[in-house]
Amino acid sequence: MLVNHEVNGNKGAFVAVEDGKKIGEMTYSAAGPGKIIIDHTEVDEQEKGKGIGHVLLMKAVEYARDNQVKIMPLCPFAKASFDRDVTIRDVLF
């Protein structure tokens, strides 16, 4: 699985691709300098339960750390993940 980071203006997405097919996506919007809002996570129905959402979230956390960006997780999946994992809360806004 490959995860691409796509940016289009003030919106962006981390997109999971396998065998040329999109299998998952986590989208965000810029919320001013140094802040992003994760607003949606979706995984292909046939790929659910394989940890793809977690991989996408970890790419977002890696991006935030590398770019000194804080994350506001409005997406229920991302919020629940931040609630469960104390090791990634350093990037919370």
PDB file of N, CA and C in Angstrom:
ATOM      1  N   MET A   1       0.846  -1.183   0.000  1.00  0.00           N
ATOM      2  CA  MET A   1       0.000   0.000   0.000  1.00  0.00           C
ATOM      3  C   MET A   1       0.887   1.241   0.000  1.00  0.00           C
ATOM      4  N   LEU A   2       0.496   2.192  -0.798  1.00  0.00           N
ATOM      5  CA  LEU A   2       1.183   3.475  -0.905  1.00  0.00           C
ATOM      6  C   LEU A   2       0.221   4.554  -0.421  1.00  0.00           C
ATOM      7  N   VAL A   3       0.739   5.522   0.345  1.00  0.00           N
ATOM      8  CA  VAL A   3      -0.095   6.642   0.784  1.00  0.00           C
ATOM      9  C   VAL A   3       0.451   7.917   0.161  1.00  0.00           C
ATOM     10  N   ASN A   4      -0.390   8.567  -0.632  1.00  0.00           N
ATOM     11  CA  ASN A   4      -0.034   9.828  -1.285  1.00  0.00           C
ATOM     12  C   ASN A   4      -0.641  10.987  -0.516  1.00  0.00           C
ATOM     13  N   HIS A   5       0.087  12.106  -0.497  1.00  0.00           N
ATOM     14  CA  HIS A   5      -0.430  13.329   0.114  1.00  0.00           C
ATOM     15  C   HIS A   5      -0.767  14.278  -1.027  1.00  0.00           C
ATOM     16  N   GLU A   6      -2.036  14.621  -1.145  1.00  0.00           N
ATOM     17  CA  GLU A   6      -2.502  15.509  -2.204  1.00  0.00           C
ATOM     18  C   GLU A   6      -2.956  16.828  -1.578  1.00  0.00           C
ATOM     19  N   VAL A   7      -2.555  17.934  -2.191  1.00  0.00           N
ATOM     20  CA  VAL A   7      -2.945  19.258  -1.702  1.00  0.00           C
ATOM     21  C   VAL A   7      -3.571  20.030  -2.854  1.00  0.00           C
ATOM     22  N   ASN A   8      -4.712  20.672  -2.578  1.00  0.00           N
ATOM     23  CA  ASN A   8      -5.391  21.481  -3.578  1.00  0.00           C
ATOM     24  C   ASN A   8      -5.899  22.741  -2.877  1.00  0.00           C
ATOM     25  N   GLY A   9      -5.126  23.805  -2.947  1.00  0.00           N
ATOM     26  CA  GLY A   9      -5.497  25.046  -2.258  1.00  0.00           C
ATOM     27  C   GLY A   9      -5.406  24.857  -0.762  1.00  0.00           C
ATOM     28  N   ASN A  10      -6.508  25.138  -0.056  1.00  0.00           N
ATOM     29  CA  ASN A  10      -6.488  24.988   1.395  1.00  0.00           C
ATOM     30  C   ASN A  10      -7.066  23.639   1.842  1.00  0.00           C
ATOM     31  N   LYS A  11      -7.222  22.719   0.922  1.00  0.00           N
ATOM     32  CA  LYS A  11      -7.707  21.368   1.217  1.00  0.00           C
ATOM     33  C   LYS A  11      -6.615  20.359   0.894  1.00  0.00           C
ATOM     34  N   GLY A  12      -6.684  19.230   1.562  1.00  0.00           N
ATOM     35  CA  GLY A  12      -5.707  18.188   1.300  1.00  0.00           C
ATOM     36  C   GLY A  12      -6.266  16.826   1.660  1.00  0.00           C
ATOM     37  N   ALA A  13      -5.515  15.795   1.281  1.00  0.00           N
ATOM     38  CA  ALA A  13      -5.940  14.426   1.574  1.00  0.00           C
ATOM     39  C   ALA A  13      -4.735  13.506   1.608  1.00  0.00           C
ATOM     40  N   PHE A  14      -4.835  12.510   2.453  1.00  0.00           N
ATOM     41  CA  PHE A  14      -3.905  11.394   2.449  1.00  0.00           C
ATOM     42  C   PHE A  14      -4.681  10.248   1.826  1.00  0.00           C
ATOM     43  N   VAL A  15      -4.162   9.719   0.710  1.00  0.00           N
ATOM     44  CA  VAL A  15      -4.900   8.743  -0.079  1.00  0.00           C
ATOM     45  C   VAL A  15      -4.117   7.434  -0.115  1.00  0.00           C
ATOM     46  N   ALA A  16      -4.769   6.357   0.329  1.00  0.00           N
ATOM     47  CA  ALA A  16      -4.160   5.021   0.296  1.00  0.00           C
ATOM     48  C   ALA A  16      -4.490   4.365  -1.036  1.00  0.00           C
ATOM     49  N   VAL A  17      -3.447   3.866  -1.708  1.00  0.00           N
ATOM     50  CA  VAL A  17      -3.608   3.237  -3.016  1.00  0.00           C
ATOM     51  C   VAL A  17      -2.938   1.869  -2.994  1.00  0.00           C
ATOM     52  N   GLU A  18      -3.625   0.885  -3.551  1.00  0.00           N
ATOM     53  CA  GLU A  18      -3.052  -0.450  -3.664  1.00  0.00           C
ATOM     54  C   GLU A  18      -3.433  -1.010  -5.026  1.00  0.00           C
ATOM     55  N   ASP A  19      -2.451  -1.519  -5.744  1.00  0.00           N
ATOM     56  CA  ASP A  19      -2.675  -2.058  -7.090  1.00  0.00           C
ATOM     57  C   ASP A  19      -3.393  -1.061  -7.994  1.00  0.00           C
ATOM     58  N   GLY A  20      -3.034   0.224  -7.867  1.00  0.00           N
ATOM     59  CA  GLY A  20      -3.609   1.268  -8.702  1.00  0.00           C
ATOM     60  C   GLY A  20      -5.018   1.695  -8.323  1.00  0.00           C
ATOM     61  N   LYS A  21      -5.539   1.167  -7.224  1.00  0.00           N
ATOM     62  CA  LYS A  21      -6.918   1.472  -6.805  1.00  0.00           C
ATOM     63  C   LYS A  21      -6.898   2.215  -5.475  1.00  0.00           C
ATOM     64  N   LYS A  22      -7.716   3.280  -5.382  1.00  0.00           N
ATOM     65  CA  LYS A  22      -7.849   4.012  -4.123  1.00  0.00           C
ATOM     66  C   LYS A  22      -8.637   3.146  -3.144  1.00  0.00           C
ATOM     67  N   ILE A  23      -8.020   2.877  -1.973  1.00  0.00           N
ATOM     68  CA  ILE A  23      -8.683   2.037  -0.986  1.00  0.00           C
ATOM     69  C   ILE A  23      -9.032   2.798   0.299  1.00  0.00           C
ATOM     70  N   GLY A  24      -8.541   4.026   0.415  1.00  0.00           N
ATOM     71  CA  GLY A  24      -8.864   4.815   1.594  1.00  0.00           C
ATOM     72  C   GLY A  24      -8.444   6.259   1.419  1.00  0.00           C
ATOM     73  N   GLU A  25      -9.082   7.138   2.200  1.00  0.00           N
ATOM     74  CA  GLU A  25      -8.771   8.560   2.099  1.00  0.00           C
ATOM     75  C   GLU A  25      -9.102   9.261   3.412  1.00  0.00           C
ATOM     76  N   MET A  26      -8.210  10.158   3.819  1.00  0.00           N
ATOM     77  CA  MET A  26      -8.443  11.022   4.974  1.00  0.00           C
ATOM     78  C   MET A  26      -8.284  12.453   4.472  1.00  0.00           C
ATOM     79  N   THR A  27      -9.332  13.259   4.593  1.00  0.00           N
ATOM     80  CA  THR A  27      -9.300  14.621   4.057  1.00  0.00           C
ATOM     81  C   THR A  27      -9.185  15.639   5.185  1.00  0.00           C
ATOM     82  N   TYR A  28      -8.631  16.785   4.827  1.00  0.00           N
ATOM     83  CA  TYR A  28      -8.487  17.867   5.799  1.00  0.00           C
ATOM     84  C   TYR A  28      -8.609  19.215   5.106  1.00  0.00           C
ATOM     85  N   SER A  29      -8.832  20.245   5.935  1.00  0.00           N
ATOM     86  CA  SER A  29      -8.860  21.632   5.475  1.00  0.00           C
ATOM     87  C   SER A  29      -7.876  22.427   6.322  1.00  0.00           C
ATOM     88  N   ALA A  30      -7.221  23.395   5.699  1.00  0.00           N
ATOM     89  CA  ALA A  30      -6.351  24.297   6.448  1.00  0.00           C
ATOM     90  C   ALA A  30      -7.238  25.201   7.290  1.00  0.00           C
ATOM     91  N   ALA A  31      -6.792  25.466   8.518  1.00  0.00           N
ATOM     92  CA  ALA A  31      -7.567  26.313   9.431  1.00  0.00           C
ATOM     93  C   ALA A  31      -6.690  27.448   9.922  1.00  0.00           C
ATOM     94  N   GLY A  32      -6.040  28.092   8.986  1.00  0.00           N
ATOM     95  CA  GLY A  32      -5.114  29.160   9.349  1.00  0.00           C
ATOM     96  C   GLY A  32      -3.688  28.629   9.368  1.00  0.00           C
ATOM     97  N   PRO A  33      -2.752  29.510   9.651  1.00  0.00           N
ATOM     98  CA  PRO A  33      -1.344  29.097   9.636  1.00  0.00           C
ATOM     99  C   PRO A  33      -1.062  28.056  10.710  1.00  0.00           C
ATOM    100  N   GLY A  34      -0.492  26.942  10.287  1.00  0.00           N
ATOM    101  CA  GLY A  34      -0.062  25.925  11.231  1.00  0.00           C
ATOM    102  C   GLY A  34      -1.158  25.069  11.829  1.00  0.00           C
ATOM    103  N   LYS A  35      -2.354  25.060  11.204  1.00  0.00           N
ATOM    104  CA  LYS A  35      -3.457  24.263  11.726  1.00  0.00           C
ATOM    105  C   LYS A  35      -4.218  23.587  10.586  1.00  0.00           C
ATOM    106  N   ILE A  36      -4.587  22.323  10.806  1.00  0.00           N
ATOM    107  CA  ILE A  36      -5.466  21.632   9.861  1.00  0.00           C
ATOM    108  C   ILE A  36      -6.593  20.961  10.634  1.00  0.00           C
ATOM    109  N   ILE A  37      -7.713  20.784   9.944  1.00  0.00           N
ATOM    110  CA  ILE A  37      -8.873  20.097  10.509  1.00  0.00           C
ATOM    111  C   ILE A  37      -9.091  18.825   9.701  1.00  0.00           C
ATOM    112  N   ILE A  38      -8.943  17.675  10.347  1.00  0.00           N
ATOM    113  CA  ILE A  38      -9.278  16.413   9.680  1.00  0.00           C
ATOM    114  C   ILE A  38     -10.796  16.292   9.728  1.00  0.00           C
ATOM    115  N   ASP A  39     -11.418  16.264   8.543  1.00  0.00           N
ATOM    116  CA  ASP A  39     -12.875  16.300   8.494  1.00  0.00           C
ATOM    117  C   ASP A  39     -13.537  15.013   8.019  1.00  0.00           C
ATOM    118  N   HIS A  40     -12.751  14.083   7.448  1.00  0.00           N
ATOM    119  CA  HIS A  40     -13.387  12.866   6.924  1.00  0.00           C
ATOM    120  C   HIS A  40     -12.353  11.770   6.734  1.00  0.00           C
ATOM    121  N   THR A  41     -12.739  10.555   7.086  1.00  0.00           N
ATOM    122  CA  THR A  41     -11.928   9.369   6.799  1.00  0.00           C
ATOM    123  C   THR A  41     -12.850   8.328   6.201  1.00  0.00           C
ATOM    124  N   GLU A  42     -12.402   7.741   5.098  1.00  0.00           N
ATOM    125  CA  GLU A  42     -13.214   6.722   4.438  1.00  0.00           C
ATOM    126  C   GLU A  42     -12.302   5.616   3.928  1.00  0.00           C
ATOM    127  N   VAL A  43     -12.726   4.372   4.148  1.00  0.00           N
ATOM    128  CA  VAL A  43     -11.989   3.204   3.672  1.00  0.00           C
ATOM    129  C   VAL A  43     -12.947   2.368   2.835  1.00  0.00           C
ATOM    130  N   ASP A  44     -12.444   1.867   1.716  1.00  0.00           N
ATOM    131  CA  ASP A  44     -13.232   1.003   0.839  1.00  0.00           C
ATOM    132  C   ASP A  44     -13.867  -0.127   1.662  1.00  0.00           C
ATOM    133  N   GLU A  45     -15.121  -0.414   1.397  1.00  0.00           N
ATOM    134  CA  GLU A  45     -15.876  -1.414   2.160  1.00  0.00           C
ATOM    135  C   GLU A  45     -15.140  -2.758   2.233  1.00  0.00           C
ATOM    136  N   GLN A  46     -14.537  -3.180   1.138  1.00  0.00           N
ATOM    137  CA  GLN A  46     -13.843  -4.475   1.101  1.00  0.00           C
ATOM    138  C   GLN A  46     -12.515  -4.459   1.854  1.00  0.00           C
ATOM    139  N   GLU A  47     -12.032  -3.274   2.209  1.00  0.00           N
ATOM    140  CA  GLU A  47     -10.737  -3.143   2.880  1.00  0.00           C
ATOM    141  C   GLU A  47     -10.859  -2.826   4.369  1.00  0.00           C
ATOM    142  N   LYS A  48     -12.077  -2.701   4.858  1.00  0.00           N
ATOM    143  CA  LYS A  48     -12.275  -2.353   6.275  1.00  0.00           C
ATOM    144  C   LYS A  48     -11.709  -3.442   7.178  1.00  0.00           C
ATOM    145  N   GLY A  49     -11.218  -2.993   8.343  1.00  0.00           N
ATOM    146  CA  GLY A  49     -10.673  -3.925   9.316  1.00  0.00           C
ATOM    147  C   GLY A  49      -9.209  -4.261   9.115  1.00  0.00           C
ATOM    148  N   LYS A  50      -8.570  -3.631   8.143  1.00  0.00           N
ATOM    149  CA  LYS A  50      -7.165  -3.915   7.842  1.00  0.00           C
ATOM    150  C   LYS A  50      -6.217  -2.842   8.379  1.00  0.00           C
ATOM    151  N   GLY A  51      -6.751  -1.872   9.107  1.00  0.00           N
ATOM    152  CA  GLY A  51      -5.899  -0.840   9.692  1.00  0.00           C
ATOM    153  C   GLY A  51      -5.531   0.293   8.754  1.00  0.00           C
ATOM    154  N   ILE A  52      -6.227   0.415   7.651  1.00  0.00           N
ATOM    155  CA  ILE A  52      -5.909   1.453   6.665  1.00  0.00           C
ATOM    156  C   ILE A  52      -6.179   2.845   7.229  1.00  0.00           C
ATOM    157  N   GLY A  53      -7.269   3.004   7.956  1.00  0.00           N
ATOM    158  CA  GLY A  53      -7.568   4.294   8.579  1.00  0.00           C
ATOM    159  C   GLY A  53      -6.459   4.716   9.524  1.00  0.00           C
ATOM    160  N   HIS A  54      -5.936   3.766  10.287  1.00  0.00           N
ATOM    161  CA  HIS A  54      -4.842   4.066  11.219  1.00  0.00           C
ATOM    162  C   HIS A  54      -3.581   4.494  10.455  1.00  0.00           C
ATOM    163  N   VAL A  55      -3.278   3.814   9.365  1.00  0.00           N
ATOM    164  CA  VAL A  55      -2.117   4.184   8.546  1.00  0.00           C
ATOM    165  C   VAL A  55      -2.274   5.608   8.031  1.00  0.00           C
ATOM    166  N   LEU A  56      -3.470   5.950   7.571  1.00  0.00           N
ATOM    167  CA  LEU A  56      -3.729   7.306   7.069  1.00  0.00           C
ATOM    168  C   LEU A  56      -3.547   8.335   8.184  1.00  0.00           C
ATOM    169  N   LEU A  57      -4.065   8.031   9.370  1.00  0.00           N
ATOM    170  CA  LEU A  57      -3.922   8.948  10.493  1.00  0.00           C
ATOM    171  C   LEU A  57      -2.448   9.141  10.852  1.00  0.00           C
ATOM    172  N   MET A  58      -1.688   8.071  10.847  1.00  0.00           N
ATOM    173  CA  MET A  58      -0.266   8.179  11.188  1.00  0.00           C
ATOM    174  C   MET A  58       0.494   9.015  10.150  1.00  0.00           C
ATOM    175  N   LYS A  59       0.079   8.955   8.893  1.00  0.00           N
ATOM    176  CA  LYS A  59       0.690   9.815   7.866  1.00  0.00           C
ATOM    177  C   LYS A  59       0.351  11.280   8.145  1.00  0.00           C
ATOM    178  N   ALA A  60      -0.879  11.542   8.579  1.00  0.00           N
ATOM    179  CA  ALA A  60      -1.272  12.914   8.930  1.00  0.00           C
ATOM    180  C   ALA A  60      -0.465  13.405  10.123  1.00  0.00           C
ATOM    181  N   VAL A  61      -0.265  12.549  11.120  1.00  0.00           N
ATOM    182  CA  VAL A  61       0.523  12.913  12.299  1.00  0.00           C
ATOM    183  C   VAL A  61       1.976  13.169  11.903  1.00  0.00           C
ATOM    184  N   GLU A  62       2.519  12.307  11.047  1.00  0.00           N
ATOM    185  CA  GLU A  62       3.892  12.489  10.558  1.00  0.00           C
ATOM    186  C   GLU A  62       4.029  13.823   9.826  1.00  0.00           C
ATOM    187  N   TYR A  63       3.054  14.131   8.968  1.00  0.00           N
ATOM    188  CA  TYR A  63       3.047  15.405   8.246  1.00  0.00           C
ATOM    189  C   TYR A  63       3.008  16.570   9.235  1.00  0.00           C
ATOM    190  N   ALA A  64       2.140  16.478  10.244  1.00  0.00           N
ATOM    191  CA  ALA A  64       2.003  17.549  11.226  1.00  0.00           C
ATOM    192  C   ALA A  64       3.315  17.767  11.973  1.00  0.00           C
ATOM    193  N   ARG A  65       3.944  16.690  12.371  1.00  0.00           N
ATOM    194  CA  ARG A  65       5.209  16.808  13.099  1.00  0.00           C
ATOM    195  C   ARG A  65       6.304  17.402  12.220  1.00  0.00           C
ATOM    196  N   ASP A  66       6.381  16.940  10.988  1.00  0.00           N
ATOM    197  CA  ASP A  66       7.429  17.413  10.074  1.00  0.00           C
ATOM    198  C   ASP A  66       7.266  18.881   9.703  1.00  0.00           C
ATOM    199  N   ASN A  67       6.018  19.376   9.755  1.00  0.00           N
ATOM    200  CA  ASN A  67       5.729  20.738   9.293  1.00  0.00           C
ATOM    201  C   ASN A  67       5.249  21.671  10.396  1.00  0.00           C
ATOM    202  N   GLN A  68       5.423  21.269  11.651  1.00  0.00           N
ATOM    203  CA  GLN A  68       5.003  22.063  12.806  1.00  0.00           C
ATOM    204  C   GLN A  68       3.551  22.527  12.661  1.00  0.00           C
ATOM    205  N   VAL A  69       2.674  21.560  12.360  1.00  0.00           N
ATOM    206  CA  VAL A  69       1.250  21.817  12.173  1.00  0.00           C
ATOM    207  C   VAL A  69       0.482  21.132  13.298  1.00  0.00           C
ATOM    208  N   LYS A  70      -0.567  21.767  13.760  1.00  0.00           N
ATOM    209  CA  LYS A  70      -1.450  21.167  14.763  1.00  0.00           C
ATOM    210  C   LYS A  70      -2.714  20.662  14.080  1.00  0.00           C
ATOM    211  N   ILE A  71      -3.289  19.592  14.634  1.00  0.00           N
ATOM    212  CA  ILE A  71      -4.464  18.937  14.050  1.00  0.00           C
ATOM    213  C   ILE A  71      -5.667  19.070  14.969  1.00  0.00           C
ATOM    214  N   MET A  72      -6.797  19.440  14.362  1.00  0.00           N
ATOM    215  CA  MET A  72      -8.082  19.393  15.054  1.00  0.00           C
ATOM    216  C   MET A  72      -8.871  18.242  14.415  1.00  0.00           C
ATOM    217  N   PRO A  73      -9.120  17.165  15.145  1.00  0.00           N
ATOM    218  CA  PRO A  73      -9.809  16.007  14.560  1.00  0.00           C
ATOM    219  C   PRO A  73     -11.333  16.104  14.690  1.00  0.00           C
ATOM    220  N   LEU A  74     -11.990  16.642  13.686  1.00  0.00           N
ATOM    221  CA  LEU A  74     -13.452  16.699  13.698  1.00  0.00           C
ATOM    222  C   LEU A  74     -14.074  15.393  13.225  1.00  0.00           C
ATOM    223  N   CYS A  75     -13.362  14.663  12.403  1.00  0.00           N
ATOM    224  CA  CYS A  75     -13.810  13.357  11.929  1.00  0.00           C
ATOM    225  C   CYS A  75     -13.915  12.403  13.131  1.00  0.00           C
ATOM    226  N   PRO A  76     -15.035  11.694  13.286  1.00  0.00           N
ATOM    227  CA  PRO A  76     -15.198  10.795  14.435  1.00  0.00           C
ATOM    228  C   PRO A  76     -14.094   9.745  14.551  1.00  0.00           C
ATOM    229  N   PHE A  77     -13.642   9.192  13.422  1.00  0.00           N
ATOM    230  CA  PHE A  77     -12.571   8.198  13.468  1.00  0.00           C
ATOM    231  C   PHE A  77     -11.282   8.811  14.005  1.00  0.00           C
ATOM    232  N   ALA A  78     -10.908   9.961  13.468  1.00  0.00           N
ATOM    233  CA  ALA A  78      -9.668  10.611  13.906  1.00  0.00           C
ATOM    234  C   ALA A  78      -9.766  11.018  15.372  1.00  0.00           C
ATOM    235  N   LYS A  79     -10.916  11.551  15.784  1.00  0.00           N
ATOM    236  CA  LYS A  79     -11.088  11.958  17.183  1.00  0.00           C
ATOM    237  C   LYS A  79     -10.943  10.761  18.112  1.00  0.00           C
ATOM    238  N   ALA A  80     -11.592   9.651  17.778  1.00  0.00           N
ATOM    239  CA  ALA A  80     -11.509   8.446  18.614  1.00  0.00           C
ATOM    240  C   ALA A  80     -10.068   7.934  18.674  1.00  0.00           C
ATOM    241  N   SER A  81      -9.358   8.036  17.570  1.00  0.00           N
ATOM    242  CA  SER A  81      -7.963   7.576  17.539  1.00  0.00           C
ATOM    243  C   SER A  81      -7.091   8.434  18.447  1.00  0.00           C
ATOM    244  N   PHE A  82      -7.286   9.747  18.432  1.00  0.00           N
ATOM    245  CA  PHE A  82      -6.525  10.633  19.317  1.00  0.00           C
ATOM    246  C   PHE A  82      -6.899  10.375  20.778  1.00  0.00           C
ATOM    247  N   ASP A  83      -8.158  10.075  21.026  1.00  0.00           N
ATOM    248  CA  ASP A  83      -8.597   9.782  22.392  1.00  0.00           C
ATOM    249  C   ASP A  83      -7.926   8.514  22.925  1.00  0.00           C
ATOM    250  N   ARG A  84      -7.722   7.525  22.053  1.00  0.00           N
ATOM    251  CA  ARG A  84      -7.130   6.246  22.453  1.00  0.00           C
ATOM    252  C   ARG A  84      -5.615   6.280  22.570  1.00  0.00           C
ATOM    253  N   ASP A  85      -4.947   7.038  21.705  1.00  0.00           N
ATOM    254  CA  ASP A  85      -3.487   6.955  21.595  1.00  0.00           C
ATOM    255  C   ASP A  85      -2.812   8.230  22.128  1.00  0.00           C
ATOM    256  N   VAL A  86      -2.274   8.157  23.332  1.00  0.00           N
ATOM    257  CA  VAL A  86      -1.646   9.336  23.944  1.00  0.00           C
ATOM    258  C   VAL A  86      -0.350   9.737  23.229  1.00  0.00           C
ATOM    259  N   THR A  87       0.252   8.823  22.476  1.00  0.00           N
ATOM    260  CA  THR A  87       1.544   9.101  21.843  1.00  0.00           C
ATOM    261  C   THR A  87       1.450  10.062  20.666  1.00  0.00           C
ATOM    262  N   ILE A  88       0.236  10.336  20.192  1.00  0.00           N
ATOM    263  CA  ILE A  88       0.102  11.237  19.043  1.00  0.00           C
ATOM    264  C   ILE A  88      -0.525  12.569  19.423  1.00  0.00           C
ATOM    265  N   ARG A  89      -0.814  12.759  20.687  1.00  0.00           N
ATOM    266  CA  ARG A  89      -1.506  13.975  21.121  1.00  0.00           C
ATOM    267  C   ARG A  89      -0.633  15.229  21.056  1.00  0.00           C
ATOM    268  N   ASP A  90       0.652  15.070  20.809  1.00  0.00           N
ATOM    269  CA  ASP A  90       1.524  16.246  20.708  1.00  0.00           C
ATOM    270  C   ASP A  90       1.141  17.139  19.544  1.00  0.00           C
ATOM    271  N   VAL A  91       0.410  16.609  18.561  1.00  0.00           N
ATOM    272  CA  VAL A  91       0.021  17.408  17.397  1.00  0.00           C
ATOM    273  C   VAL A  91      -1.417  17.931  17.499  1.00  0.00           C
ATOM    274  N   LEU A  92      -2.072  17.662  18.608  1.00  0.00           N
ATOM    275  CA  LEU A  92      -3.451  18.150  18.776  1.00  0.00           C
ATOM    276  C   LEU A  92      -3.514  19.659  18.925  1.00  0.00           C
ATOM    277  N   PHE A  93      -4.563  20.225  18.358  1.00  0.00           N
ATOM    278  CA  PHE A  93      -4.829  21.660  18.484  1.00  0.00           C
ATOM    279  C   PHE A  93      -5.919  21.855  19.501  1.00  0.00           C
TER     280      PHE A  93
END
